[in-house]
C-alpha cells in the first residue's frame, strides 16, 4: 500500500512550528492540540517543560539507517535547549531551520556529554540487527517523538489515547515513520516500552509474535535468569501495520526506557530469521 506522505510539507510544517514555539513558547504550548491528550499531572517530574526546544523529530526523514518512535525527548538540557539562551538556539539557530539543525542528528556527534550513551545504545541495537540481516549501516537514525516537549518522565497512564489522538498519531507519527522506514537501511521501525504495546493495539496493528520469559520455550529459546534464579522479565513484540510495515517493540521487565542489551541478540536472530521476511 502506498504511503500518502509529503516529506517537503512535513519539513516545512515543523520548521514553522518550531519558529512559532521560540517566538512565544507558552502561547504555542497552550494552543497545541497535543496538550489535550495529556492528563493533568501535579507531580513536577511528569510535567512537560515547554520552555525547552521542542523536538518533533531528530535526524533526516529522507535519509536514515533506521526509524525510532519515542514517547518524548526526555529530560531537558537547559544549556542547550532553553528557548532564549540555549546553545541550540543561540549558536545553531534551530528555530530558524529546524530540519537543517536536526538532520545530522546532533546528539550523536559525541560532543554532548549530558546525553550520555542513551542514543549510542540505540545505534548499537541498530547495528546488531543489521548484522543479523547481513547489511551495512552507513547513515544515522531518524527518530520521531510523539510529544515533542521535554519532561523528566512520561507515563503511559498520562496519555489520553482517544480517537482524535490516534488520528493525530497516524498523520504525524505513523505516516512519516513508514515513509522514512521505506527508504531506510534496516527496514523495520523500532520502539521501546509498554506505551507502544497499547498504541499499536489501538491502531489496529497485527501482532506477529510475542516472545518473553513466559513463552520462550514455545520458540525453543533459552532465557537469561536473574540473581534469584528466575527468568528475567523482558519481552519482544513484532507488529505489522495496515500498510504492511514491521514494528519491533522491546519492553524491559522494569519498564526502563532502554533498548535490549547485546546478550539478547539470540532472540533477535530468531525474530529476523523466523518472523520477518527478507
Protein backbone atom coordinates (compact mmCIF):
# COMPACT_ATOMS: atom_id res chain seq x y z
CA UNK A 1 0.00 0.00 0.00
CA UNK A 2 1.34 3.42 -0.96
CA UNK A 3 2.06 5.85 1.89
CA UNK A 4 0.37 9.22 1.44
CA UNK A 5 3.09 11.46 2.82
CA UNK A 6 4.89 14.55 1.53
CA UNK A 7 8.30 14.97 3.21
CA UNK A 8 8.76 18.52 1.94
CA UNK A 9 5.46 19.61 3.50
CA UNK A 10 6.33 17.77 6.70
CA UNK A 11 9.67 19.55 6.99
CA UNK A 12 8.16 22.94 6.14
CA UNK A 13 5.35 22.47 8.65
CA UNK A 14 7.65 21.65 11.56
CA UNK A 15 10.10 24.39 10.64
CA UNK A 16 7.29 26.89 11.00
CA UNK A 17 6.02 25.34 14.24
CA UNK A 18 9.46 25.44 15.87
CA UNK A 19 9.84 29.08 14.80
CA UNK A 20 6.45 29.90 16.36
CA UNK A 21 7.37 28.00 19.51
CA UNK A 22 10.54 30.04 20.03
CA UNK A 23 8.70 33.33 19.48
CA UNK A 24 6.21 32.61 22.30
CA UNK A 25 6.62 29.14 23.80
CA UNK A 26 3.78 29.46 26.32
CA UNK A 27 1.26 30.59 23.74
CA UNK A 28 2.38 27.81 21.43
CA UNK A 29 2.13 25.17 24.14
CA UNK A 30 -1.32 26.18 25.35
CA UNK A 31 -2.72 26.21 21.81
CA UNK A 32 -1.17 22.86 20.83
CA UNK A 33 -3.72 20.07 20.34
CA UNK A 34 -1.23 17.63 21.86
CA UNK A 35 -1.79 19.12 25.29
CA UNK A 36 -5.40 17.88 25.17
CA UNK A 37 -4.07 14.32 25.03
CA UNK A 38 -2.28 14.61 28.37
CA UNK A 39 -3.91 14.18 31.74
CA UNK A 40 -3.46 16.94 34.29
CA UNK A 41 -0.43 15.99 36.35
CA UNK A 42 0.64 17.56 39.65
CA UNK A 43 3.98 15.82 40.04
CA UNK A 44 6.81 18.00 38.78
CA UNK A 45 8.79 15.07 37.38
CA UNK A 46 5.98 14.28 34.91
CA UNK A 47 5.21 17.82 33.80
CA UNK A 48 6.03 18.98 30.29
CA UNK A 49 8.64 21.72 30.08
CA UNK A 50 7.66 23.81 27.05
CA UNK A 51 10.45 26.38 27.56
CA UNK A 52 12.95 23.92 26.09
CA UNK A 53 13.38 23.28 22.38
CA UNK A 54 10.55 21.18 21.01
CA UNK A 55 11.92 18.18 19.16
CA UNK A 56 9.26 16.60 16.95
CA UNK A 57 11.95 14.53 15.30
CA UNK A 58 15.72 14.11 15.18
CA UNK A 59 17.52 13.08 12.02
CA UNK A 60 16.59 13.15 8.36
CA UNK A 61 13.23 11.76 7.24
CA UNK A 62 14.66 11.35 3.73
CA UNK A 63 17.87 9.56 4.63
CA UNK A 64 18.33 7.26 7.62
CA UNK A 65 19.60 3.87 8.73
CA UNK A 66 16.56 3.06 10.86
CA UNK A 67 13.45 4.64 12.36
CA UNK A 68 12.67 5.01 16.06
CA UNK A 69 9.42 6.13 17.66
CA UNK A 70 9.71 7.56 21.18
CA UNK A 71 7.21 8.98 23.65
CA UNK A 72 9.05 12.31 24.02
CA UNK A 73 12.62 13.69 24.07
CA UNK A 74 13.10 13.09 27.81
CA UNK A 75 14.74 15.36 30.34
CA UNK A 76 15.86 18.78 29.06
CA UNK A 77 19.42 20.03 28.85
CA UNK A 78 18.94 23.72 29.76
CA UNK A 79 22.34 24.87 28.47
CA UNK A 80 21.45 23.56 25.03
CA UNK A 81 17.69 23.73 24.67
CA UNK A 82 16.41 26.81 26.52
CA UNK A 83 14.19 28.88 24.25
CA UNK A 84 16.12 32.13 24.84
CA UNK A 85 19.75 31.34 25.58
CA UNK A 86 20.32 27.63 24.84
CA UNK A 87 23.23 26.78 22.57
CA UNK A 88 20.91 25.14 20.03
CA UNK A 89 19.08 28.47 19.71
CA UNK A 90 21.93 30.99 20.01
CA UNK A 91 24.60 29.19 18.01
CA UNK A 92 22.83 26.59 15.88
CA UNK A 93 19.67 28.61 15.13
CA UNK A 94 17.45 25.54 15.49
CA UNK A 95 14.37 27.77 15.46
CA UNK A 96 15.32 29.29 12.10
CA UNK A 97 15.61 25.99 10.21
CA UNK A 98 14.85 23.03 12.42
CA UNK A 99 15.37 20.49 9.63
CA UNK A 100 18.86 21.77 8.86
CA UNK A 101 19.73 21.71 12.56
CA UNK A 102 18.31 18.24 13.12
CA UNK A 103 19.17 16.24 10.00
CA UNK A 104 22.72 15.34 11.08
CA UNK A 105 21.47 14.05 14.46
CA UNK A 106 23.43 16.39 16.79
CA UNK A 107 23.11 14.04 19.79
CA UNK A 108 25.37 11.55 18.02
CA UNK A 109 28.32 13.80 17.25
CA UNK A 110 30.00 12.82 20.53
CA UNK A 111 30.31 16.33 21.94
CA UNK A 112 27.16 16.47 24.08
CA UNK A 113 28.23 14.76 27.27
CA UNK A 114 24.89 15.44 29.01
CA UNK A 115 23.17 12.91 26.75
CA UNK A 116 25.46 10.12 27.91
CA UNK A 117 25.16 6.87 25.98
CA UNK A 118 21.36 6.98 25.57
CA UNK A 119 21.40 7.35 21.79
CA UNK A 120 24.58 5.36 21.30
CA UNK A 121 22.92 2.31 22.87
CA UNK A 122 20.13 2.64 20.36
CA UNK A 123 22.51 2.86 17.43
CA UNK A 124 24.35 -0.20 18.81
CA UNK A 125 20.99 -2.00 18.69
CA UNK A 126 20.52 -0.97 15.06
CA UNK A 127 24.00 -2.24 14.19
CA UNK A 128 23.31 -5.61 15.82
CA UNK A 129 20.05 -6.00 13.91
CA UNK A 130 21.80 -5.00 10.69
CA UNK A 131 24.39 -7.73 11.25
CA UNK A 132 21.61 -10.28 11.58
CA UNK A 133 20.19 -9.09 8.27
CA UNK A 134 23.65 -9.12 6.70
CA UNK A 135 23.59 -5.45 5.73
CA UNK A 136 25.89 -2.48 6.34
CA UNK A 137 24.80 0.67 8.14
CA UNK A 138 26.21 3.96 6.82
CA UNK A 139 23.63 6.54 7.93
CA UNK A 140 22.24 7.95 11.15
CA UNK A 141 18.79 7.08 12.52
CA UNK A 142 15.59 9.07 12.26
CA UNK A 143 13.59 9.37 15.47
CA UNK A 144 10.03 10.63 15.91
CA UNK A 145 8.76 11.97 19.24
CA UNK A 146 5.02 11.56 19.90
CA UNK A 147 5.14 14.55 22.24
CA UNK A 148 7.88 17.00 21.20
CA UNK A 149 8.10 18.52 24.67
CA UNK A 150 10.71 17.58 27.24
CA UNK A 151 9.84 16.08 30.61
CA UNK A 152 11.74 14.04 33.14
CA UNK A 153 9.24 11.19 32.86
CA UNK A 154 6.12 10.37 30.84
CA UNK A 155 3.88 7.50 31.92
CA UNK A 156 1.57 5.54 29.65
CA UNK A 157 -1.31 6.26 32.02
CA UNK A 158 -0.83 10.01 31.48
CA UNK A 159 -1.62 9.77 27.76
CA UNK A 160 -5.26 10.02 26.65
CA UNK A 161 -5.42 7.62 23.68
CA UNK A 162 -8.66 8.98 22.26
CA UNK A 163 -9.83 8.68 18.65
CA UNK A 164 -8.51 12.18 17.98
CA UNK A 165 -5.16 11.20 19.45
CA UNK A 166 -4.98 8.15 17.17
CA UNK A 167 -5.84 10.29 14.14
CA UNK A 168 -3.03 12.65 15.10
CA UNK A 169 -0.63 9.73 15.52
CA UNK A 170 -1.44 8.26 12.12
CA UNK A 171 -0.86 11.57 10.35
CA UNK A 172 2.10 12.91 12.31
CA UNK A 173 3.92 9.80 13.52
CA UNK A 174 2.98 6.66 11.58
CA UNK A 175 3.00 8.15 8.09
CA UNK A 176 6.41 9.87 8.42
CA UNK A 177 7.77 6.79 10.21
CA UNK A 178 6.70 4.45 7.43
CA UNK A 179 7.92 6.82 4.72
CA UNK A 180 11.35 7.06 6.35
CA UNK A 181 11.38 3.32 7.01
CA UNK A 182 10.71 2.54 3.36
CA UNK A 183 13.88 4.42 2.44
CA UNK A 184 15.94 3.25 5.41
CA UNK A 185 18.71 0.69 5.50
CA UNK A 186 17.23 -1.54 8.22
CA UNK A 187 13.64 -1.53 7.02
CA UNK A 188 11.96 -2.02 10.39
CA UNK A 189 10.56 0.56 12.85
CA UNK A 190 11.87 0.32 16.41
CA UNK A 191 10.41 1.37 19.75
CA UNK A 192 10.93 0.68 23.44
CA UNK A 193 8.34 0.49 26.20
CA UNK A 194 4.90 -0.69 27.17
CA UNK A 195 3.30 2.51 25.83
CA UNK A 196 3.76 1.19 22.31
CA UNK A 197 2.04 -2.10 23.10
CA UNK A 198 -1.08 -0.10 23.96
CA UNK A 199 -0.65 2.23 20.99
CA UNK A 200 -0.10 -0.40 18.31
CA UNK A 201 -3.07 -2.39 19.55
CA UNK A 202 -5.32 0.67 19.48
CA UNK A 203 -4.12 1.47 15.96
CA UNK A 204 -5.30 -1.96 14.85
CA UNK A 205 -1.86 -3.35 14.10
CA UNK A 206 -1.45 -7.12 13.86
CA UNK A 207 0.80 -8.73 16.45
CA UNK A 208 3.04 -11.16 14.56
CA UNK A 209 4.76 -12.66 17.57
CA UNK A 210 5.37 -12.13 21.28
CA UNK A 211 8.43 -13.63 22.98
CA UNK A 212 9.03 -13.25 26.69
CA UNK A 213 10.06 -15.06 29.87
CA UNK A 214 6.79 -17.00 29.96
CA UNK A 215 6.70 -18.45 26.45
CA UNK A 216 10.32 -18.67 25.28
CA UNK A 217 10.22 -22.47 25.45
CA UNK A 218 7.48 -22.46 22.81
CA UNK A 219 10.02 -20.85 20.49
CA UNK A 220 12.76 -23.29 21.57
CA UNK A 221 14.79 -20.44 23.06
CA UNK A 222 16.84 -20.41 26.24
CA UNK A 223 16.44 -17.42 28.57
CA UNK A 224 18.67 -15.40 30.88
CA UNK A 225 18.00 -15.68 34.61
CA UNK A 226 18.41 -13.13 37.42
CA UNK A 227 20.22 -13.39 40.75
CA UNK A 228 17.22 -15.23 42.22
CA UNK A 229 17.44 -17.87 39.51
CA UNK A 230 14.23 -16.57 37.92
CA UNK A 231 13.79 -15.78 34.20
CA UNK A 232 14.46 -12.12 33.51
CA UNK A 233 11.29 -10.25 32.58
CA UNK A 234 11.88 -8.92 29.09
CA UNK A 235 9.60 -9.02 26.09
CA UNK A 236 9.86 -8.62 22.32
CA UNK A 237 6.78 -7.91 20.24
CA UNK A 238 6.68 -7.81 16.47
CA UNK A 239 3.78 -5.88 14.96
CA UNK A 240 2.63 -5.22 11.41
CA UNK A 241 0.69 -2.11 10.44
CA UNK A 242 -2.19 -1.97 8.00
CA UNK A 243 0.24 -0.91 5.26
CA UNK A 244 2.45 -3.94 5.88
CA UNK A 245 5.29 -2.17 7.72
CA UNK A 246 7.01 -4.06 10.54
CA UNK A 247 7.44 -2.63 14.03
CA UNK A 248 9.70 -4.21 16.66
CA UNK A 249 8.97 -3.16 20.22
CA UNK A 250 11.09 -4.15 23.21
CA UNK A 251 9.64 -3.99 26.73
CA UNK A 252 12.12 -4.01 29.58
CA UNK A 253 10.89 -6.00 32.57
CA UNK A 254 11.27 -2.98 34.85
CA UNK A 255 9.75 -0.75 32.16
CA UNK A 256 13.01 1.15 31.78
CA UNK A 257 13.37 3.11 28.58
CA UNK A 258 16.34 1.05 27.49
CA UNK A 259 16.90 -0.99 24.32
CA UNK A 260 17.85 -4.65 24.77
CA UNK A 261 21.40 -5.48 25.81
CA UNK A 262 23.68 -7.39 23.46
CA UNK A 263 23.11 -10.64 25.37
CA UNK A 264 19.54 -10.79 23.98
CA UNK A 265 20.82 -10.97 20.42
CA UNK A 266 19.77 -14.62 20.15
CA UNK A 267 16.11 -13.59 20.46
CA UNK A 268 16.57 -11.01 17.72
CA UNK A 269 18.17 -13.60 15.47
CA UNK A 270 15.13 -15.80 15.98
CA UNK A 271 12.78 -12.92 15.18
CA UNK A 272 14.57 -11.93 12.00
CA UNK A 273 15.01 -15.47 10.69
CA UNK A 274 11.60 -16.87 11.62
CA UNK A 275 9.13 -13.98 11.62
CA UNK A 276 10.34 -11.21 9.28
CA UNK A 277 10.64 -11.77 5.54
CA UNK A 278 13.91 -10.54 4.00
